[in-house]
All heavy atoms as atom14 arrays in JSON, in Angstrom:
{
  "sequence": "LPGYDWMGVYKTALESIAQYLALYLGPSGVRVNLVAAGPV",
  "atom14_mask": [
    [1, 1, 1, 1, 1, 1, 1, 1, 0, 0, 0, 0, 0, 0],
    [1, 1, 1, 1, 1, 1, 1, 0, 0, 0, 0, 0, 0, 0],
    [1, 1, 1, 1, 0, 0, 0, 0, 0, 0, 0, 0, 0, 0],
    [1, 1, 1, 1, 1, 1, 1, 1, 1, 1, 1, 1, 0, 0],
    [1, 1, 1, 1, 1, 1, 1, 1, 0, 0, 0, 0, 0, 0],
    [1, 1, 1, 1, 1, 1, 1, 1, 1, 1, 1, 1, 1, 1],
    [1, 1, 1, 1, 1, 1, 1, 1, 0, 0, 0, 0, 0, 0],
    [1, 1, 1, 1, 0, 0, 0, 0, 0, 0, 0, 0, 0, 0],
    [1, 1, 1, 1, 1, 1, 1, 0, 0, 0, 0, 0, 0, 0],
    [1, 1, 1, 1, 1, 1, 1, 1, 1, 1, 1, 1, 0, 0],
    [1, 1, 1, 1, 1, 1, 1, 1, 1, 0, 0, 0, 0, 0],
    [1, 1, 1, 1, 1, 1, 1, 0, 0, 0, 0, 0, 0, 0],
    [1, 1, 1, 1, 1, 0, 0, 0, 0, 0, 0, 0, 0, 0],
    [1, 1, 1, 1, 1, 1, 1, 1, 0, 0, 0, 0, 0, 0],
    [1, 1, 1, 1, 1, 1, 1, 1, 1, 0, 0, 0, 0, 0],
    [1, 1, 1, 1, 1, 1, 0, 0, 0, 0, 0, 0, 0, 0],
    [1, 1, 1, 1, 1, 1, 1, 1, 0, 0, 0, 0, 0, 0],
    [1, 1, 1, 1, 1, 0, 0, 0, 0, 0, 0, 0, 0, 0],
    [1, 1, 1, 1, 1, 1, 1, 1, 1, 0, 0, 0, 0, 0],
    [1, 1, 1, 1, 1, 1, 1, 1, 1, 1, 1, 1, 0, 0],
    [1, 1, 1, 1, 1, 1, 1, 1, 0, 0, 0, 0, 0, 0],
    [1, 1, 1, 1, 1, 0, 0, 0, 0, 0, 0, 0, 0, 0],
    [1, 1, 1, 1, 1, 1, 1, 1, 0, 0, 0, 0, 0, 0],
    [1, 1, 1, 1, 1, 1, 1, 1, 1, 1, 1, 1, 0, 0],
    [1, 1, 1, 1, 1, 1, 1, 1, 0, 0, 0, 0, 0, 0],
    [1, 1, 1, 1, 0, 0, 0, 0, 0, 0, 0, 0, 0, 0],
    [1, 1, 1, 1, 1, 1, 1, 0, 0, 0, 0, 0, 0, 0],
    [1, 1, 1, 1, 1, 1, 0, 0, 0, 0, 0, 0, 0, 0],
    [1, 1, 1, 1, 0, 0, 0, 0, 0, 0, 0, 0, 0, 0],
    [1, 1, 1, 1, 1, 1, 1, 0, 0, 0, 0, 0, 0, 0],
    [1, 1, 1, 1, 1, 1, 1, 1, 1, 1, 1, 0, 0, 0],
    [1, 1, 1, 1, 1, 1, 1, 0, 0, 0, 0, 0, 0, 0],
    [1, 1, 1, 1, 1, 1, 1, 1, 0, 0, 0, 0, 0, 0],
    [1, 1, 1, 1, 1, 1, 1, 1, 0, 0, 0, 0, 0, 0],
    [1, 1, 1, 1, 1, 1, 1, 0, 0, 0, 0, 0, 0, 0],
    [1, 1, 1, 1, 1, 0, 0, 0, 0, 0, 0, 0, 0, 0],
    [1, 1, 1, 1, 1, 0, 0, 0, 0, 0, 0, 0, 0, 0],
    [1, 1, 1, 1, 0, 0, 0, 0, 0, 0, 0, 0, 0, 0],
    [1, 1, 1, 1, 1, 1, 1, 0, 0, 0, 0, 0, 0, 0],
    [1, 1, 1, 1, 1, 1, 1, 0, 0, 0, 0, 0, 0, 0]
  ],
  "atom14_positions": [
    [[68.5, 121.35, 133.2], [68.76, 122.77, 133.01], [67.58, 123.4, 132.26], [67.29, 123.0, 131.13], [70.05, 122.98, 132.22], [71.33, 122.4, 132.83], [72.49, 122.59, 131.89], [71.6, 123.06, 134.18], [0.0, 0.0, 0.0], [0.0, 0.0, 0.0], [0.0, 0.0, 0.0], [0.0, 0.0, 0.0], [0.0, 0.0, 0.0], [0.0, 0.0, 0.0]],
    [[66.9, 124.35, 132.85], [65.76, 124.99, 132.17], [66.18, 125.55, 130.81], [67.21, 126.2, 130.68], [65.38, 126.14, 133.13], [65.86, 125.68, 134.48], [67.13, 124.91, 134.21], [0.0, 0.0, 0.0], [0.0, 0.0, 0.0], [0.0, 0.0, 0.0], [0.0, 0.0, 0.0], [0.0, 0.0, 0.0], [0.0, 0.0, 0.0], [0.0, 0.0, 0.0]],
    [[65.37, 125.24, 129.8], [65.64, 125.72, 128.45], [66.55, 124.83, 127.64], [66.55, 124.89, 126.41], [0.0, 0.0, 0.0], [0.0, 0.0, 0.0], [0.0, 0.0, 0.0], [0.0, 0.0, 0.0], [0.0, 0.0, 0.0], [0.0, 0.0, 0.0], [0.0, 0.0, 0.0], [0.0, 0.0, 0.0], [0.0, 0.0, 0.0], [0.0, 0.0, 0.0]],
    [[67.34, 123.98, 128.32], [68.25, 123.09, 127.61], [67.51, 121.88, 127.06], [67.89, 121.3, 126.06], [69.38, 122.66, 128.56], [70.69, 122.37, 127.88], [71.3, 123.32, 127.07], [71.32, 121.15, 128.05], [72.51, 123.06, 126.45], [72.53, 120.87, 127.44], [73.12, 121.83, 126.64], [74.32, 121.56, 126.03], [0.0, 0.0, 0.0], [0.0, 0.0, 0.0]],
    [[66.51, 121.46, 127.79], [65.52, 120.48, 127.34], [66.13, 119.23, 126.69], [66.93, 118.54, 127.29], [64.5, 121.16, 126.44], [63.62, 122.14, 127.21], [63.93, 122.4, 128.38], [62.63, 122.64, 126.66], [0.0, 0.0, 0.0], [0.0, 0.0, 0.0], [0.0, 0.0, 0.0], [0.0, 0.0, 0.0], [0.0, 0.0, 0.0], [0.0, 0.0, 0.0]],
    [[65.78, 118.96, 125.42], [66.22, 117.71, 124.8], [67.72, 117.65, 124.6], [68.29, 116.56, 124.54], [65.48, 117.5, 123.48], [64.09, 116.99, 123.72], [62.94, 117.72, 123.81], [63.73, 115.64, 123.98], [61.89, 116.91, 124.11], [62.33, 115.63, 124.21], [64.43, 114.44, 124.02], [61.63, 114.45, 124.49], [63.74, 113.27, 124.3], [62.36, 113.27, 124.53]],
    [[68.39, 118.8, 124.52], [69.84, 118.76, 124.42], [70.44, 118.12, 125.67], [71.44, 117.4, 125.59], [70.41, 120.16, 124.2], [71.93, 120.18, 123.98], [72.46, 119.2, 122.53], [71.93, 120.32, 121.22], [0.0, 0.0, 0.0], [0.0, 0.0, 0.0], [0.0, 0.0, 0.0], [0.0, 0.0, 0.0], [0.0, 0.0, 0.0], [0.0, 0.0, 0.0]],
    [[69.83, 118.36, 126.82], [70.27, 117.69, 128.03], [70.12, 116.19, 127.94], [70.98, 115.43, 128.41], [0.0, 0.0, 0.0], [0.0, 0.0, 0.0], [0.0, 0.0, 0.0], [0.0, 0.0, 0.0], [0.0, 0.0, 0.0], [0.0, 0.0, 0.0], [0.0, 0.0, 0.0], [0.0, 0.0, 0.0], [0.0, 0.0, 0.0], [0.0, 0.0, 0.0]],
    [[69.03, 115.75, 127.32], [68.82, 114.32, 127.11], [69.88, 113.75, 126.17], [70.45, 112.68, 126.41], [67.41, 114.06, 126.53], [67.21, 112.58, 126.22], [66.34, 114.55, 127.51], [0.0, 0.0, 0.0], [0.0, 0.0, 0.0], [0.0, 0.0, 0.0], [0.0, 0.0, 0.0], [0.0, 0.0, 0.0], [0.0, 0.0, 0.0], [0.0, 0.0, 0.0]],
    [[70.17, 114.5, 125.11], [71.18, 114.03, 124.15], [72.55, 113.9, 124.81], [73.29, 112.95, 124.55], [71.29, 114.99, 122.96], [70.0, 115.25, 122.23], [69.77, 116.49, 121.62], [69.0, 114.29, 122.15], [68.59, 116.74, 120.94], [67.82, 114.54, 121.48], [67.62, 115.77, 120.88], [66.45, 116.03, 120.22], [0.0, 0.0, 0.0], [0.0, 0.0, 0.0]],
    [[72.9, 114.87, 125.65], [74.21, 114.83, 126.3], [74.29, 113.67, 127.3], [75.35, 113.05, 127.44], [74.49, 116.16, 127.01], [74.69, 117.34, 126.06], [75.86, 117.13, 125.12], [76.17, 118.38, 124.3], [77.3, 118.17, 123.36], [0.0, 0.0, 0.0], [0.0, 0.0, 0.0], [0.0, 0.0, 0.0], [0.0, 0.0, 0.0], [0.0, 0.0, 0.0]],
    [[73.19, 113.38, 127.97], [73.16, 112.22, 128.86], [73.36, 110.94, 128.05], [74.11, 110.04, 128.46], [71.84, 112.16, 129.63], [71.67, 113.38, 130.38], [71.81, 110.99, 130.59], [0.0, 0.0, 0.0], [0.0, 0.0, 0.0], [0.0, 0.0, 0.0], [0.0, 0.0, 0.0], [0.0, 0.0, 0.0], [0.0, 0.0, 0.0], [0.0, 0.0, 0.0]],
    [[72.69, 110.85, 126.91], [72.85, 109.69, 126.04], [74.29, 109.61, 125.51], [74.86, 108.52, 125.4], [71.87, 109.77, 124.87], [0.0, 0.0, 0.0], [0.0, 0.0, 0.0], [0.0, 0.0, 0.0], [0.0, 0.0, 0.0], [0.0, 0.0, 0.0], [0.0, 0.0, 0.0], [0.0, 0.0, 0.0], [0.0, 0.0, 0.0], [0.0, 0.0, 0.0]],
    [[74.86, 110.76, 125.19], [76.23, 110.8, 124.69], [77.19, 110.18, 125.7], [78.11, 109.43, 125.33], [76.64, 112.24, 124.4], [78.01, 112.45, 123.75], [77.96, 112.06, 122.28], [78.45, 113.91, 123.89], [0.0, 0.0, 0.0], [0.0, 0.0, 0.0], [0.0, 0.0, 0.0], [0.0, 0.0, 0.0], [0.0, 0.0, 0.0], [0.0, 0.0, 0.0]],
    [[76.98, 110.45, 126.98], [77.86, 109.91, 128.01], [77.74, 108.39, 128.08], [78.74, 107.68, 128.24], [77.53, 110.55, 129.36], [77.88, 112.03, 129.4], [77.58, 112.67, 130.74], [77.38, 111.93, 131.74], [77.56, 113.91, 130.81], [0.0, 0.0, 0.0], [0.0, 0.0, 0.0], [0.0, 0.0, 0.0], [0.0, 0.0, 0.0], [0.0, 0.0, 0.0]],
    [[76.53, 107.87, 127.94], [76.35, 106.43, 127.95], [76.99, 105.79, 126.72], [77.65, 104.74, 126.81], [74.86, 106.09, 128.0], [74.66, 104.69, 128.1], [0.0, 0.0, 0.0], [0.0, 0.0, 0.0], [0.0, 0.0, 0.0], [0.0, 0.0, 0.0], [0.0, 0.0, 0.0], [0.0, 0.0, 0.0], [0.0, 0.0, 0.0], [0.0, 0.0, 0.0]],
    [[76.81, 106.42, 125.57], [77.43, 105.92, 124.34], [78.95, 105.89, 124.47], [79.6, 104.92, 124.06], [77.0, 106.78, 123.14], [75.52, 106.54, 122.83], [77.85, 106.48, 121.9], [74.92, 107.51, 121.84], [0.0, 0.0, 0.0], [0.0, 0.0, 0.0], [0.0, 0.0, 0.0], [0.0, 0.0, 0.0], [0.0, 0.0, 0.0], [0.0, 0.0, 0.0]],
    [[79.52, 106.93, 125.07], [80.97, 106.96, 125.26], [81.44, 105.81, 126.14], [82.5, 105.22, 125.9], [81.38, 108.3, 125.87], [0.0, 0.0, 0.0], [0.0, 0.0, 0.0], [0.0, 0.0, 0.0], [0.0, 0.0, 0.0], [0.0, 0.0, 0.0], [0.0, 0.0, 0.0], [0.0, 0.0, 0.0], [0.0, 0.0, 0.0], [0.0, 0.0, 0.0]],
    [[80.67, 105.48, 127.17], [81.04, 104.37, 128.04], [81.03, 103.04, 127.29], [81.94, 102.21, 127.45], [80.1, 104.31, 129.24], [80.29, 105.46, 130.22], [79.29, 105.41, 131.35], [78.15, 104.95, 131.19], [79.7, 105.87, 132.52], [0.0, 0.0, 0.0], [0.0, 0.0, 0.0], [0.0, 0.0, 0.0], [0.0, 0.0, 0.0], [0.0, 0.0, 0.0]],
    [[80.01, 102.84, 126.48], [79.95, 101.59, 125.72], [81.03, 101.52, 124.64], [81.6, 100.46, 124.37], [78.56, 101.39, 125.12], [77.59, 100.8, 126.11], [76.74, 101.6, 126.85], [77.56, 99.42, 126.34], [75.87, 101.06, 127.78], [76.69, 98.87, 127.26], [75.84, 99.69, 127.99], [74.99, 99.16, 128.92], [0.0, 0.0, 0.0], [0.0, 0.0, 0.0]],
    [[81.34, 102.66, 124.04], [82.45, 102.68, 123.09], [83.76, 102.36, 123.79], [84.6, 101.63, 123.25], [82.53, 104.05, 122.42], [81.44, 104.38, 121.39], [81.53, 105.83, 120.97], [81.54, 103.46, 120.18], [0.0, 0.0, 0.0], [0.0, 0.0, 0.0], [0.0, 0.0, 0.0], [0.0, 0.0, 0.0], [0.0, 0.0, 0.0], [0.0, 0.0, 0.0]],
    [[83.94, 102.9, 125.0], [85.15, 102.59, 125.77], [85.24, 101.09, 126.03], [86.33, 100.5, 125.95], [85.13, 103.36, 127.09], [0.0, 0.0, 0.0], [0.0, 0.0, 0.0], [0.0, 0.0, 0.0], [0.0, 0.0, 0.0], [0.0, 0.0, 0.0], [0.0, 0.0, 0.0], [0.0, 0.0, 0.0], [0.0, 0.0, 0.0], [0.0, 0.0, 0.0]],
    [[84.11, 100.47, 126.32], [84.08, 99.03, 126.57], [84.49, 98.23, 125.35], [85.34, 97.33, 125.42], [82.66, 98.63, 127.01], [82.39, 97.12, 127.12], [83.21, 96.52, 128.26], [80.89, 96.88, 127.34], [0.0, 0.0, 0.0], [0.0, 0.0, 0.0], [0.0, 0.0, 0.0], [0.0, 0.0, 0.0], [0.0, 0.0, 0.0], [0.0, 0.0, 0.0]],
    [[83.93, 98.56, 124.2], [84.13, 97.74, 123.01], [85.38, 98.1, 122.21], [85.9, 97.27, 121.47], [82.89, 97.82, 122.11], [81.71, 97.08, 122.7], [80.58, 97.77, 123.14], [81.73, 95.69, 122.84], [79.51, 97.1, 123.7], [80.66, 95.01, 123.39], [79.55, 95.71, 123.82], [78.5, 95.04, 124.37], [0.0, 0.0, 0.0], [0.0, 0.0, 0.0]],
    [[85.86, 99.35, 122.35], [87.07, 99.74, 121.6], [88.33, 99.62, 122.44], [89.43, 99.64, 121.89], [86.92, 101.19, 121.11], [85.81, 101.44, 120.08], [85.8, 102.91, 119.67], [85.97, 100.54, 118.86], [0.0, 0.0, 0.0], [0.0, 0.0, 0.0], [0.0, 0.0, 0.0], [0.0, 0.0, 0.0], [0.0, 0.0, 0.0], [0.0, 0.0, 0.0]],
    [[88.19, 99.51, 123.74], [89.35, 99.39, 124.61], [90.3, 98.26, 124.23], [91.52, 98.47, 124.21], [0.0, 0.0, 0.0], [0.0, 0.0, 0.0], [0.0, 0.0, 0.0], [0.0, 0.0, 0.0], [0.0, 0.0, 0.0], [0.0, 0.0, 0.0], [0.0, 0.0, 0.0], [0.0, 0.0, 0.0], [0.0, 0.0, 0.0], [0.0, 0.0, 0.0]],
    [[89.8, 97.06, 123.93], [90.71, 95.96, 123.56], [91.59, 96.26, 122.35], [92.65, 95.66, 122.2], [89.75, 94.8, 123.29], [88.56, 95.09, 124.16], [88.41, 96.59, 124.1], [0.0, 0.0, 0.0], [0.0, 0.0, 0.0], [0.0, 0.0, 0.0], [0.0, 0.0, 0.0], [0.0, 0.0, 0.0], [0.0, 0.0, 0.0], [0.0, 0.0, 0.0]],
    [[91.15, 97.18, 121.47], [91.97, 97.55, 120.31], [92.87, 98.74, 120.61], [93.57, 99.23, 119.71], [91.07, 97.86, 119.11], [90.25, 98.99, 119.37], [0.0, 0.0, 0.0], [0.0, 0.0, 0.0], [0.0, 0.0, 0.0], [0.0, 0.0, 0.0], [0.0, 0.0, 0.0], [0.0, 0.0, 0.0], [0.0, 0.0, 0.0], [0.0, 0.0, 0.0]],
    [[92.85, 99.21, 121.87], [93.74, 100.3, 122.26], [93.16, 101.69, 122.06], [93.86, 102.68, 122.28], [0.0, 0.0, 0.0], [0.0, 0.0, 0.0], [0.0, 0.0, 0.0], [0.0, 0.0, 0.0], [0.0, 0.0, 0.0], [0.0, 0.0, 0.0], [0.0, 0.0, 0.0], [0.0, 0.0, 0.0], [0.0, 0.0, 0.0], [0.0, 0.0, 0.0]],
    [[91.89, 101.77, 121.67], [91.25, 103.06, 121.44], [90.47, 103.47, 122.7], [89.67, 102.7, 123.21], [90.3, 103.01, 120.23], [89.6, 104.36, 120.04], [91.06, 102.62, 118.97], [0.0, 0.0, 0.0], [0.0, 0.0, 0.0], [0.0, 0.0, 0.0], [0.0, 0.0, 0.0], [0.0, 0.0, 0.0], [0.0, 0.0, 0.0], [0.0, 0.0, 0.0]],
    [[90.73, 104.67, 123.19], [90.05, 105.16, 124.39], [89.05, 106.25, 124.01], [89.25, 106.99, 123.04], [91.06, 105.68, 125.4], [91.97, 106.77, 124.88], [93.12, 107.04, 125.86], [93.94, 108.16, 125.44], [94.97, 108.07, 124.6], [95.31, 106.88, 124.11], [95.67, 109.14, 124.27], [0.0, 0.0, 0.0], [0.0, 0.0, 0.0], [0.0, 0.0, 0.0]],
    [[88.0, 106.36, 124.82], [86.91, 107.29, 124.53], [86.54, 108.02, 125.82], [86.18, 107.39, 126.81], [85.67, 106.56, 123.98], [84.58, 107.57, 123.58], [86.04, 105.66, 122.81], [0.0, 0.0, 0.0], [0.0, 0.0, 0.0], [0.0, 0.0, 0.0], [0.0, 0.0, 0.0], [0.0, 0.0, 0.0], [0.0, 0.0, 0.0], [0.0, 0.0, 0.0]],
    [[86.62, 109.33, 125.8], [86.32, 110.15, 126.97], [85.59, 111.42, 126.54], [85.6, 111.79, 125.36], [87.61, 110.55, 127.7], [88.36, 109.35, 128.24], [87.96, 108.75, 129.23], [89.46, 108.99, 127.58], [0.0, 0.0, 0.0], [0.0, 0.0, 0.0], [0.0, 0.0, 0.0], [0.0, 0.0, 0.0], [0.0, 0.0, 0.0], [0.0, 0.0, 0.0]],
    [[84.97, 112.08, 127.52], [84.26, 113.33, 127.26], [84.76, 114.43, 128.18], [85.24, 114.16, 129.28], [82.76, 113.14, 127.49], [82.04, 112.07, 126.68], [80.57, 112.02, 127.09], [82.15, 112.32, 125.18], [0.0, 0.0, 0.0], [0.0, 0.0, 0.0], [0.0, 0.0, 0.0], [0.0, 0.0, 0.0], [0.0, 0.0, 0.0], [0.0, 0.0, 0.0]],
    [[84.61, 115.66, 127.72], [84.87, 116.84, 128.54], [83.54, 117.54, 128.77], [82.82, 117.87, 127.83], [85.85, 117.81, 127.85], [85.93, 119.13, 128.63], [87.23, 117.18, 127.74], [0.0, 0.0, 0.0], [0.0, 0.0, 0.0], [0.0, 0.0, 0.0], [0.0, 0.0, 0.0], [0.0, 0.0, 0.0], [0.0, 0.0, 0.0], [0.0, 0.0, 0.0]],
    [[83.2, 117.73, 130.04], [82.0, 118.49, 130.41], [82.4, 119.94, 130.6], [83.03, 120.3, 131.59], [81.38, 117.92, 131.68], [0.0, 0.0, 0.0], [0.0, 0.0, 0.0], [0.0, 0.0, 0.0], [0.0, 0.0, 0.0], [0.0, 0.0, 0.0], [0.0, 0.0, 0.0], [0.0, 0.0, 0.0], [0.0, 0.0, 0.0], [0.0, 0.0, 0.0]],
    [[82.03, 120.76, 129.64], [82.47, 122.15, 129.64], [81.47, 123.07, 130.31], [80.25, 122.85, 130.24], [82.7, 122.61, 128.2], [0.0, 0.0, 0.0], [0.0, 0.0, 0.0], [0.0, 0.0, 0.0], [0.0, 0.0, 0.0], [0.0, 0.0, 0.0], [0.0, 0.0, 0.0], [0.0, 0.0, 0.0], [0.0, 0.0, 0.0], [0.0, 0.0, 0.0]],
    [[81.98, 124.1, 130.95], [81.11, 125.18, 131.41], [80.61, 125.97, 130.22], [81.06, 125.77, 129.08], [0.0, 0.0, 0.0], [0.0, 0.0, 0.0], [0.0, 0.0, 0.0], [0.0, 0.0, 0.0], [0.0, 0.0, 0.0], [0.0, 0.0, 0.0], [0.0, 0.0, 0.0], [0.0, 0.0, 0.0], [0.0, 0.0, 0.0], [0.0, 0.0, 0.0]],
    [[79.66, 126.87, 130.42], [79.06, 127.61, 129.3], [80.05, 128.56, 128.63], [80.7, 129.37, 129.29], [77.92, 128.4, 129.98], [78.32, 128.49, 131.42], [79.07, 127.24, 131.72], [0.0, 0.0, 0.0], [0.0, 0.0, 0.0], [0.0, 0.0, 0.0], [0.0, 0.0, 0.0], [0.0, 0.0, 0.0], [0.0, 0.0, 0.0], [0.0, 0.0, 0.0]],
    [[80.19, 128.41, 127.32], [81.09, 129.23, 126.52], [80.29, 129.85, 125.38], [79.47, 129.17, 124.74], [82.26, 128.39, 125.95], [83.15, 129.24, 125.04], [83.08, 127.78, 127.08], [0.0, 0.0, 0.0], [0.0, 0.0, 0.0], [0.0, 0.0, 0.0], [0.0, 0.0, 0.0], [0.0, 0.0, 0.0], [0.0, 0.0, 0.0], [0.0, 0.0, 0.0]]
  ]
}
C-alpha cells in the first residue's frame, strides 16, 4: 500500500507471529487470531 511502507511490513510480521503463537499456545487451550480491518 503506497505510503503505508514499514507498517505494512510490521502487519505482515504480525500475521506470522500470530500463526506461531497459535502453534505453541494451542496445546494449552489458548487461541490466537487477527482481524484485518478496512480503513477506519
